[in-house]
Protein backbone atom coordinates (compact mmCIF):
# COMPACT_ATOMS: atom_id res chain seq x y z
CA MET A 1 -21.22 -9.20 -29.57
CA PRO A 2 -23.33 -11.81 -27.74
CA ILE A 3 -21.36 -14.06 -25.44
CA ARG A 4 -22.13 -17.76 -25.36
CA PRO A 5 -22.20 -18.79 -21.70
CA ARG A 6 -19.84 -21.49 -20.55
CA SER A 7 -21.04 -24.38 -18.43
CA THR A 8 -19.68 -24.36 -14.92
CA GLN A 9 -20.65 -27.99 -14.35
CA PRO A 10 -17.87 -30.55 -13.72
CA THR A 11 -16.48 -31.89 -16.95
CA SER A 12 -14.29 -34.78 -18.08
CA GLN A 13 -13.40 -33.18 -21.42
CA PRO A 14 -11.12 -30.26 -22.31
CA VAL A 15 -12.97 -26.95 -22.72
CA GLU A 16 -13.04 -25.29 -26.17
CA HIS A 17 -11.43 -21.86 -26.51
CA ILE A 18 -13.89 -19.33 -28.00
CA PHE A 19 -12.29 -16.02 -28.92
CA PRO A 20 -14.48 -12.92 -29.36
CA ASP A 21 -13.30 -10.09 -31.59
CA TRP A 22 -11.28 -8.40 -28.86
CA GLY A 23 -8.97 -11.44 -28.35
CA VAL A 24 -9.57 -12.29 -24.67
CA ASP A 25 -11.37 -15.50 -23.64
CA VAL A 26 -12.05 -16.52 -20.03
CA PHE A 27 -13.89 -19.41 -18.48
CA GLU A 28 -14.12 -21.66 -15.46
CA SER A 29 -13.20 -25.36 -15.75
CA HIS A 30 -14.29 -27.80 -13.03
CA HIS A 31 -12.78 -31.21 -13.50
CA THR A 32 -14.23 -34.62 -12.61
CA ALA A 33 -12.24 -37.67 -11.63
CA GLY A 34 -10.73 -39.10 -14.75
CA TRP A 35 -10.42 -35.70 -16.55
CA THR A 36 -7.66 -35.87 -19.16
CA MET A 37 -6.08 -33.28 -21.37
CA PRO A 38 -4.08 -34.25 -24.43
CA ALA A 39 -0.84 -32.34 -24.90
CA ALA A 40 -1.62 -29.06 -26.64
CA THR A 41 0.16 -26.09 -28.19
CA HIS A 42 -1.68 -22.79 -28.63
CA ASP A 43 -0.98 -19.65 -30.58
CA PHE A 44 -2.01 -17.50 -27.63
CA LEU A 45 -0.93 -16.93 -24.04
CA LYS A 46 -2.82 -18.86 -21.34
CA ILE A 47 -2.98 -18.06 -17.68
CA VAL A 48 -4.61 -20.59 -15.36
CA VAL A 49 -5.40 -20.07 -11.67
CA VAL A 50 -5.95 -23.16 -9.53
CA HIS A 51 -9.06 -22.35 -7.44
CA ASP A 52 -9.22 -25.81 -5.83
CA GLY A 53 -7.71 -29.28 -5.98
CA GLU A 54 -4.24 -30.22 -7.10
CA GLY A 55 -2.30 -31.70 -9.98
CA ALA A 56 0.65 -30.83 -12.24
CA LEU A 57 1.70 -28.82 -15.25
CA ALA A 58 3.66 -30.95 -17.72
CA ARG A 59 5.90 -29.33 -20.35
CA GLY A 60 8.03 -31.73 -22.24
CA ASP A 61 9.93 -33.83 -19.72
CA GLU A 62 9.20 -31.36 -16.93
CA ARG A 63 6.30 -31.99 -14.56
CA VAL A 64 5.72 -29.42 -11.84
CA PRO A 65 3.09 -29.97 -9.08
CA CYS A 66 0.41 -27.30 -8.68
CA LYS A 67 -2.29 -26.73 -6.09
CA ARG A 68 -4.87 -24.26 -4.82
CA GLY A 69 -3.55 -20.68 -5.04
CA ASP A 70 -0.96 -21.38 -7.78
CA ALA A 71 -1.00 -19.72 -11.19
CA LEU A 72 0.15 -21.43 -14.38
CA VAL A 73 1.60 -19.19 -17.08
CA ILE A 74 1.78 -20.89 -20.47
CA PRO A 75 3.29 -18.86 -23.31
CA ALA A 76 2.14 -19.16 -26.91
CA GLY A 77 3.82 -21.99 -28.74
CA THR A 78 4.47 -24.07 -25.61
CA SER A 79 3.46 -27.73 -25.66
CA HIS A 80 1.84 -28.47 -22.36
CA GLU A 81 -0.57 -30.73 -20.46
CA ILE A 82 -2.54 -30.13 -17.27
CA ILE A 83 -2.76 -33.30 -15.19
CA ASP A 84 -5.17 -33.69 -12.32
CA SER A 85 -4.56 -35.57 -9.07
CA GLU A 86 -6.55 -38.82 -9.03
CA THR A 87 -7.98 -37.98 -5.61
CA SER A 88 -8.43 -34.18 -5.85
CA PRO A 89 -9.39 -32.95 -9.37
CA MET A 90 -8.87 -29.24 -9.95
CA SER A 91 -11.21 -26.32 -10.48
CA LEU A 92 -9.57 -23.65 -12.69
CA TYR A 93 -10.00 -20.11 -13.89
CA VAL A 94 -8.57 -19.88 -17.40
CA VAL A 95 -7.84 -16.73 -19.40
CA SER A 96 -6.49 -16.87 -22.92
CA ILE A 97 -5.05 -13.77 -24.59
CA ARG A 98 -4.22 -13.28 -28.26
CA PRO A 99 -0.72 -11.86 -28.98
CA ARG A 100 -2.22 -8.74 -30.69
CA VAL A 101 -3.71 -7.64 -27.37
CA MET A 102 -0.22 -7.38 -25.85
CA GLU A 103 1.25 -5.94 -29.05
CA THR A 104 -1.30 -3.11 -28.98
CA ALA A 105 -0.22 -2.24 -25.42
CA CYS A 106 3.52 -2.63 -26.25
CA LEU A 107 3.71 -5.32 -23.58
CA ASP A 108 6.53 -7.82 -24.18
CA ALA A 109 5.35 -11.32 -23.24
CA GLY A 110 8.97 -12.10 -22.42
CA ILE A 111 8.70 -10.20 -19.11
CA LEU A 112 6.19 -12.69 -17.79
CA PRO A 113 7.35 -15.56 -15.60
CA THR A 114 6.41 -18.97 -17.03
CA GLY A 115 5.43 -22.30 -15.53
CA VAL A 116 3.96 -22.63 -12.05
CA LEU A 117 3.88 -19.51 -9.83
CA ARG A 118 3.63 -19.99 -6.05
CA LEU A 119 1.43 -17.05 -5.09
CA GLY A 120 1.18 -15.65 -1.59
CA SER A 121 -2.33 -15.59 -0.20
CA HIS A 122 -2.89 -11.89 -0.90
CA SER A 123 -1.56 -12.15 -4.50
CA ALA A 124 -3.69 -15.24 -5.10
CA GLU A 125 -6.82 -13.46 -3.85
CA LYS A 126 -6.04 -10.41 -6.00
CA ILE A 127 -5.55 -12.43 -9.12
CA GLU A 128 -8.65 -14.54 -8.47
CA ARG A 129 -10.64 -11.33 -8.09
CA SER A 130 -9.36 -10.21 -11.52
CA MET A 131 -10.46 -13.54 -13.00
CA ARG A 132 -13.94 -13.24 -11.53
CA ARG A 133 -14.26 -9.68 -12.80
CA LEU A 134 -13.30 -10.87 -16.29
CA LEU A 135 -15.94 -13.61 -16.07
CA PHE A 136 -18.55 -11.10 -15.03
CA GLU A 137 -17.72 -8.56 -17.71
CA GLN A 138 -17.70 -11.24 -20.40
CA THR A 139 -21.32 -12.12 -19.67
CA LEU A 140 -22.58 -8.53 -20.12
CA GLY A 141 -22.20 -8.21 -23.84
CA LEU A 142 -22.28 -4.42 -23.74
CA PRO A 143 -20.80 -2.09 -26.34
CA THR A 144 -17.98 -1.43 -23.83
CA THR A 145 -17.34 -5.10 -22.99
CA GLY A 146 -14.43 -5.53 -25.41
CA ALA A 147 -12.55 -2.51 -24.18
CA GLN A 148 -13.16 -3.51 -20.55
CA MET A 149 -12.02 -7.11 -21.19
CA VAL A 150 -8.80 -5.95 -22.81
CA ALA A 151 -8.14 -3.45 -19.97
CA LEU A 152 -8.74 -6.11 -17.31
CA ALA A 153 -6.60 -8.66 -19.12
CA LEU A 154 -3.66 -6.23 -19.38
CA ARG A 155 -4.04 -5.40 -15.67
CA LEU A 156 -3.93 -9.11 -14.92
CA LEU A 157 -0.74 -9.49 -16.98
CA VAL A 158 0.93 -6.64 -15.15
CA ASP A 159 0.04 -8.19 -11.80
CA VAL A 160 1.43 -11.59 -12.89
CA ALA A 161 4.61 -9.91 -14.17
CA ARG A 162 5.19 -8.23 -10.81
CA VAL A 163 4.41 -11.20 -8.56
CA GLY A 164 6.75 -13.17 -10.79
CA THR A 165 9.60 -11.53 -8.94
CA PHE A 166 8.64 -13.56 -5.90
CA ILE A 167 8.43 -17.02 -7.53
CA GLN A 168 9.50 -19.77 -5.19
CA THR A 169 11.54 -22.49 -6.75
CA GLU A 170 10.53 -26.11 -6.23
CA PRO A 171 11.64 -27.34 -2.83
CA PRO A 172 14.01 -30.31 -2.43
CA ALA A 173 12.37 -33.75 -2.41
CA GLY A 174 10.80 -34.51 0.97
CA THR A 175 10.27 -30.82 1.87
CA VAL A 176 6.80 -30.11 3.23
CA GLN A 177 5.23 -26.81 2.16
CA SER A 178 2.33 -25.19 3.95
CA PRO A 179 -0.66 -24.75 1.58
CA VAL A 180 -1.73 -21.18 0.79
CA ARG A 181 -5.02 -21.76 2.63
CA GLY A 182 -3.14 -22.26 5.90
CA THR A 183 -0.88 -19.21 5.57
CA ASP A 184 -0.79 -17.50 8.95
CA SER A 185 -2.26 -14.01 9.42
CA SER A 186 1.14 -12.35 9.97
CA THR A 187 2.29 -13.54 6.52
CA ARG A 188 -0.91 -12.33 4.94
CA MET A 189 -0.44 -8.95 6.57
CA ARG A 190 3.18 -8.60 5.31
CA SER A 191 1.95 -9.38 1.82
CA TYR A 192 -0.82 -6.89 2.13
CA VAL A 193 1.56 -4.15 3.26
CA GLU A 194 3.87 -4.85 0.31
CA ASP A 195 0.95 -4.54 -2.05
CA LEU A 196 -0.19 -1.22 -0.56
CA SER A 197 2.82 0.50 -2.19
CA GLU A 198 1.12 -0.09 -5.53
CA ASN A 199 -2.54 0.43 -4.71
CA PHE A 200 -2.65 2.92 -1.86
CA PHE A 201 -4.88 5.12 -4.04
CA GLU A 202 -7.48 2.35 -4.02
CA ALA A 203 -7.53 1.75 -0.30
CA THR A 204 -10.96 2.56 1.11
CA ASN A 205 -11.09 2.13 4.91
CA LEU A 206 -9.74 0.04 7.70
CA ASP A 207 -12.81 -2.14 8.02
CA SER A 208 -12.78 -3.19 4.34
CA ALA A 209 -9.07 -3.94 4.52
CA ALA A 210 -9.57 -6.11 7.59
CA SER A 211 -12.46 -7.89 5.88
CA MET A 212 -10.35 -8.59 2.79
CA LEU A 213 -7.76 -10.38 4.94
CA GLY A 214 -10.41 -12.21 6.96
CA LEU A 215 -9.39 -10.50 10.19
CA SER A 216 -11.30 -8.62 12.87
CA ARG A 217 -10.74 -4.89 13.06
CA ARG A 218 -8.82 -5.29 16.36
CA ARG A 219 -6.57 -8.10 15.06
CA PHE A 220 -5.92 -6.26 11.77
CA THR A 221 -4.93 -3.11 13.66
CA GLN A 222 -2.61 -5.05 15.95
CA LEU A 223 -0.88 -6.90 13.10
CA PHE A 224 -0.60 -3.83 10.89
CA ARG A 225 1.19 -1.92 13.65
CA GLU A 226 3.53 -4.90 14.29
CA VAL A 227 4.53 -4.96 10.64
CA THR A 228 4.76 -1.23 9.94
CA GLY A 229 5.22 0.42 13.37
CA THR A 230 2.28 2.73 12.70
CA SER A 231 -1.45 2.81 12.20
CA TRP A 232 -3.20 1.87 8.95
CA LEU A 233 -4.47 5.39 8.38
CA SER A 234 -1.08 7.03 8.96
CA TYR A 235 0.68 4.54 6.66
CA VAL A 236 -1.78 4.92 3.79
CA ARG A 237 -1.84 8.71 4.23
CA LYS A 238 1.96 8.90 4.02
CA LEU A 239 2.05 6.80 0.88
CA ARG A 240 -0.52 9.10 -0.72
CA ILE A 241 1.24 12.30 0.34
CA ASP A 242 4.64 11.01 -0.80
CA HIS A 243 3.17 10.32 -4.24
CA ALA A 244 1.45 13.69 -4.27
CA LYS A 245 4.77 15.43 -3.60
CA LYS A 246 6.34 13.70 -6.60
CA LEU A 247 3.44 14.71 -8.85
CA LEU A 248 3.53 18.30 -7.64
CA GLU A 249 7.28 18.53 -8.29
CA SER A 250 7.41 16.79 -11.61
CA THR A 251 4.13 17.59 -13.39
CA ASP A 252 1.92 20.57 -14.11
CA ARG A 253 -1.31 18.82 -13.08
CA THR A 254 -3.73 20.83 -11.03
CA VAL A 255 -3.84 20.24 -7.29
CA LEU A 256 -7.35 18.79 -7.76
CA SER A 257 -5.99 16.24 -10.26
CA VAL A 258 -3.15 15.29 -7.92
CA ALA A 259 -5.56 14.85 -4.99
CA PHE A 260 -7.82 12.59 -7.02
CA GLU A 261 -4.96 10.45 -8.38
CA CYS A 262 -3.56 9.90 -4.88
CA GLY A 263 -6.88 8.56 -3.57
CA PHE A 264 -8.39 11.57 -1.86
CA GLU A 265 -12.15 11.99 -2.29
CA ASP A 266 -12.23 15.73 -1.78
CA LEU A 267 -9.87 18.65 -1.95
CA SER A 268 -10.19 19.85 1.63
CA THR A 269 -9.22 16.48 3.04
CA PHE A 270 -6.16 16.43 0.75
CA TYR A 271 -5.05 19.89 1.87
CA ARG A 272 -5.40 19.04 5.57
CA ALA A 273 -3.48 15.79 5.15
CA PHE A 274 -0.76 17.37 3.07
CA LYS A 275 -0.29 20.16 5.53
CA ARG A 276 -0.17 17.71 8.44
CA GLU A 277 2.62 15.81 6.74
CA THR A 278 4.67 18.70 5.35
CA ASP A 279 3.65 21.85 7.31
CA GLU A 280 2.99 23.42 3.87
CA SER A 281 0.06 23.68 1.54
CA PRO A 282 0.32 21.78 -1.79
CA ASN A 283 0.63 25.11 -3.69
CA LYS A 284 3.40 26.35 -1.50
CA TRP A 285 5.24 23.04 -1.76
CA ARG A 286 5.08 23.25 -5.56
CA THR A 287 6.06 26.95 -5.67
CA THR A 288 9.13 26.56 -3.52
CA ARG A 289 10.36 23.50 -5.47
CA GLN A 290 9.35 24.37 -8.93
CA ASP A 291 9.87 28.07 -9.59
CA ASP A 292 9.06 27.86 -13.27
CA GLU A 293 6.10 25.51 -12.90
CA PRO A 294 4.08 25.59 -16.16
CA GLY A 295 0.43 26.24 -15.63
CA ALA A 296 0.90 27.08 -11.97
CA SER A 297 -1.57 29.90 -12.23
CA GLN A 298 -4.25 27.31 -12.94
CA ASN A 299 -3.84 25.69 -9.55
CA LEU A 300 -6.77 26.02 -7.21
CA GLN A 301 -6.67 28.30 -4.22
CA ASP A 302 -6.16 26.57 -0.89
CA PRO A 303 -9.75 25.60 0.16
CA ALA A 304 -8.83 26.24 3.81
CA GLN A 305 -8.06 29.86 2.97
CA ARG A 306 -11.03 30.12 0.65
CA ASN A 307 -13.47 28.89 3.28
CA GLY A 308 -11.82 30.64 6.21
CA GLU A 309 -10.93 27.24 7.82
CA VAL A 310 -7.89 26.40 9.86
CA ALA A 311 -6.27 23.26 8.32
């Protein structure tokens, strides 16, 4: 299905929602001074990320300030209005999702936080990346675009549901909050370490991690050790091996499948890392803890033994 491109030029008028067949619409909205939005109620869920500027989300008599790095979660059927600051109009990423997308995935919209979410710097960067990926995929118009858009939208909803646990309530009047942009590097590191528990299998290398946080390799290494008490490599490797142990004990997946799912690029590296952490090979670990393991005979032979290597 061809995708009609959206203008990314500043606008003073509300942007029209255009839903393709798959039920996910995403666009950028850059506001000019004097931008106004009449109160609206939609039959779909809307998630808005404030990329720049500041303003407020109005729902009924409630008016909550929002700024760069915040996310606005507006459920279907909610009357709302987005109001820009007179001096700092906002630039927004907006994704709208039809209810049937969530119904197909058995995702209850009720688990999502609503209103203005105060995101930490790492969560804000992660969600903005998801928005940019959605924008990119939407322009491709490939036979797989619909499936990819739905998958990315559901991933975004899961991320929003999880960061919702850490919503900060509005501070008392007169309280000054530091903007996300000025969050110190130690706070960014703590947020990054928390996030590792859910994406350790995606971690690539130390340099890319440092770059993502805007830190030098030396500073990243220093802060990571201060927060965790160990090195980046050791920490990620332990997360991967701990997950591998759970999979070996509770599933009949082959060792190769377990290694891949845990983020290892090759089987030999997985065997060496596993043995370093447990003093046992993955096959021995599984055998001693799961005597009646179904399909155990399908597991691959230890590559260190196969190749005559010492792991």
